[in-house]
């Protein structure tokens, strides 16, 4: 799980800042615009992601990015989409949201991974509709 989240970081930036972005919301929940890139079958990452949205605040500062996974990834891993949250231009939190099938298979609705400025995990949480559980990060080493 940790490897999947870390690998996605590298792809997150390149996808979300592609040249062919469109403004999909002129005033989002953060007071700024939302820009979305829709991937096409000719894009190298199309097998993994269908779209990427970047959410800015009223000062045009990036607050959140969302990647929606392809059916292939959703079926294989149970992930529907992932959010990355930023503070001062640095990712501080990843949230992976499970598909309905992923929820049934794994018994969780989301995974939250807090990271430091080097994108090393500092906290890992699993959540379902009834509770949340914090996992000891050191248990993965």
Protein backbone atom coordinates (compact mmCIF):
# COMPACT_ATOMS: atom_id res chain seq x y z
CA UNK A 1 0.00 0.00 0.00
CA UNK A 2 2.79 2.42 0.96
CA UNK A 3 4.62 1.74 -2.32
CA UNK A 4 1.48 2.44 -4.34
CA UNK A 5 0.92 5.79 -2.62
CA UNK A 6 4.56 6.83 -3.00
CA UNK A 7 4.69 5.90 -6.68
CA UNK A 8 1.58 7.94 -7.37
CA UNK A 9 3.27 11.09 -6.06
CA UNK A 10 5.58 11.26 -9.06
CA UNK A 11 2.73 10.87 -11.51
CA UNK A 12 0.47 13.28 -9.64
CA UNK A 13 2.43 16.37 -10.51
CA UNK A 14 2.99 15.60 -14.18
CA UNK A 15 -0.66 14.73 -14.77
CA UNK A 16 -2.19 17.62 -12.90
CA UNK A 17 -0.12 20.27 -14.60
CA UNK A 18 -0.40 19.09 -18.19
CA UNK A 19 -0.76 21.80 -20.85
CA UNK A 20 -4.24 20.73 -21.95
CA UNK A 21 -6.12 21.63 -18.80
CA UNK A 22 -9.60 23.14 -18.78
CA UNK A 23 -11.26 25.23 -16.10
CA UNK A 24 -14.13 23.06 -14.86
CA UNK A 25 -15.22 25.25 -11.95
CA UNK A 26 -14.75 29.01 -11.70
CA UNK A 27 -15.43 29.09 -7.95
CA UNK A 28 -14.78 25.86 -6.06
CA UNK A 29 -15.11 25.10 -2.33
CA UNK A 30 -11.75 26.84 -1.71
CA UNK A 31 -12.84 30.06 -3.45
CA UNK A 32 -10.69 29.58 -6.56
CA UNK A 33 -10.80 27.71 -9.84
CA UNK A 34 -10.63 24.00 -10.54
CA UNK A 35 -8.64 22.87 -13.57
CA UNK A 36 -9.18 19.38 -14.97
CA UNK A 37 -7.11 17.37 -17.42
CA UNK A 38 -8.91 14.56 -19.20
CA UNK A 39 -6.59 11.87 -20.47
CA UNK A 40 -7.09 10.25 -23.84
CA UNK A 41 -6.14 6.71 -24.94
CA UNK A 42 -2.98 8.10 -26.56
CA UNK A 43 -1.65 9.43 -23.23
CA UNK A 44 1.02 7.28 -21.57
CA UNK A 45 -0.78 7.22 -18.21
CA UNK A 46 -4.23 6.49 -19.64
CA UNK A 47 -4.12 2.88 -18.41
CA UNK A 48 -3.99 4.17 -14.82
CA UNK A 49 -5.91 7.46 -14.74
CA UNK A 50 -8.85 8.96 -16.60
CA UNK A 51 -8.62 12.51 -15.28
CA UNK A 52 -6.83 14.79 -12.85
CA UNK A 53 -8.26 17.91 -11.23
CA UNK A 54 -6.35 20.66 -9.43
CA UNK A 55 -8.23 22.85 -6.92
CA UNK A 56 -6.93 26.35 -6.19
CA UNK A 57 -7.93 28.83 -3.51
CA UNK A 58 -8.91 32.47 -4.09
CA UNK A 59 -5.19 33.40 -4.15
CA UNK A 60 -4.49 30.82 -6.90
CA UNK A 61 -2.63 28.55 -4.46
CA UNK A 62 -2.96 24.80 -5.08
CA UNK A 63 -4.91 23.21 -2.21
CA UNK A 64 -5.97 19.79 -3.53
CA UNK A 65 -5.48 17.49 -6.51
CA UNK A 66 -7.69 14.56 -7.42
CA UNK A 67 -6.85 11.61 -9.66
CA UNK A 68 -9.63 9.31 -10.87
CA UNK A 69 -8.44 5.81 -11.63
CA UNK A 70 -9.36 3.73 -14.65
CA UNK A 71 -11.71 0.77 -14.42
CA UNK A 72 -8.68 -1.54 -14.70
CA UNK A 73 -7.00 -0.06 -11.60
CA UNK A 74 -10.31 0.15 -9.74
CA UNK A 75 -11.06 -3.51 -10.47
CA UNK A 76 -7.53 -4.66 -9.60
CA UNK A 77 -6.86 -2.63 -6.43
CA UNK A 78 -10.27 -1.40 -5.32
CA UNK A 79 -9.35 2.31 -5.55
CA UNK A 80 -11.82 4.76 -7.11
CA UNK A 81 -9.85 8.00 -6.75
CA UNK A 82 -7.13 9.71 -4.76
CA UNK A 83 -6.85 13.20 -3.31
CA UNK A 84 -3.59 14.94 -2.42
CA UNK A 85 -3.79 17.93 -0.08
CA UNK A 86 -1.18 20.68 -0.13
CA UNK A 87 0.14 23.23 2.36
CA UNK A 88 2.61 25.82 1.12
CA UNK A 89 3.03 23.91 -2.14
CA UNK A 90 3.93 20.63 -0.43
CA UNK A 91 1.79 17.50 -0.22
CA UNK A 92 0.84 16.83 3.41
CA UNK A 93 -1.92 14.24 3.02
CA UNK A 94 -3.03 11.57 0.57
CA UNK A 95 -6.53 10.09 0.72
CA UNK A 96 -7.44 7.01 -1.29
CA UNK A 97 -11.15 6.34 -1.67
CA UNK A 98 -12.28 2.79 -2.29
CA UNK A 99 -14.77 1.69 -4.94
CA UNK A 100 -17.90 -0.16 -3.79
CA UNK A 101 -16.23 -3.47 -4.68
CA UNK A 102 -13.06 -2.39 -2.84
CA UNK A 103 -15.12 -1.45 0.21
CA UNK A 104 -16.73 -4.88 0.25
CA UNK A 105 -13.44 -6.71 -0.30
CA UNK A 106 -11.30 -4.78 2.22
CA UNK A 107 -13.95 -3.47 4.63
CA UNK A 108 -12.71 0.12 4.38
CA UNK A 109 -13.97 3.23 2.61
CA UNK A 110 -10.76 5.27 2.62
CA UNK A 111 -7.09 5.28 3.49
CA UNK A 112 -5.42 8.47 4.73
CA UNK A 113 -1.65 8.84 4.70
CA UNK A 114 -0.09 11.93 6.26
CA UNK A 115 3.39 12.68 4.95
CA UNK A 116 6.31 14.92 5.87
CA UNK A 117 8.04 17.37 3.54
CA UNK A 118 9.96 14.45 1.98
CA UNK A 119 6.72 12.51 1.41
CA UNK A 120 7.62 9.94 4.05
CA UNK A 121 4.55 8.57 5.79
CA UNK A 122 4.05 9.92 9.31
CA UNK A 123 0.53 8.61 9.98
CA UNK A 124 -1.65 6.01 8.30
CA UNK A 125 -5.40 5.70 8.90
CA UNK A 126 -7.99 3.24 7.64
CA UNK A 127 -11.64 4.27 7.80
CA UNK A 128 -15.00 2.68 7.15
CA UNK A 129 -18.53 3.89 7.74
CA UNK A 130 -18.40 3.11 11.45
CA UNK A 131 -14.85 3.77 12.67
CA UNK A 132 -11.28 4.77 11.91
CA UNK A 133 -8.08 3.01 12.91
CA UNK A 134 -4.58 4.47 13.09
CA UNK A 135 -1.85 2.07 12.04
CA UNK A 136 1.71 2.17 13.40
CA UNK A 137 3.85 3.36 10.47
CA UNK A 138 6.81 1.40 11.85
CA UNK A 139 4.92 -1.86 11.39
CA UNK A 140 5.69 -1.62 7.64
CA UNK A 141 9.49 -1.50 8.03
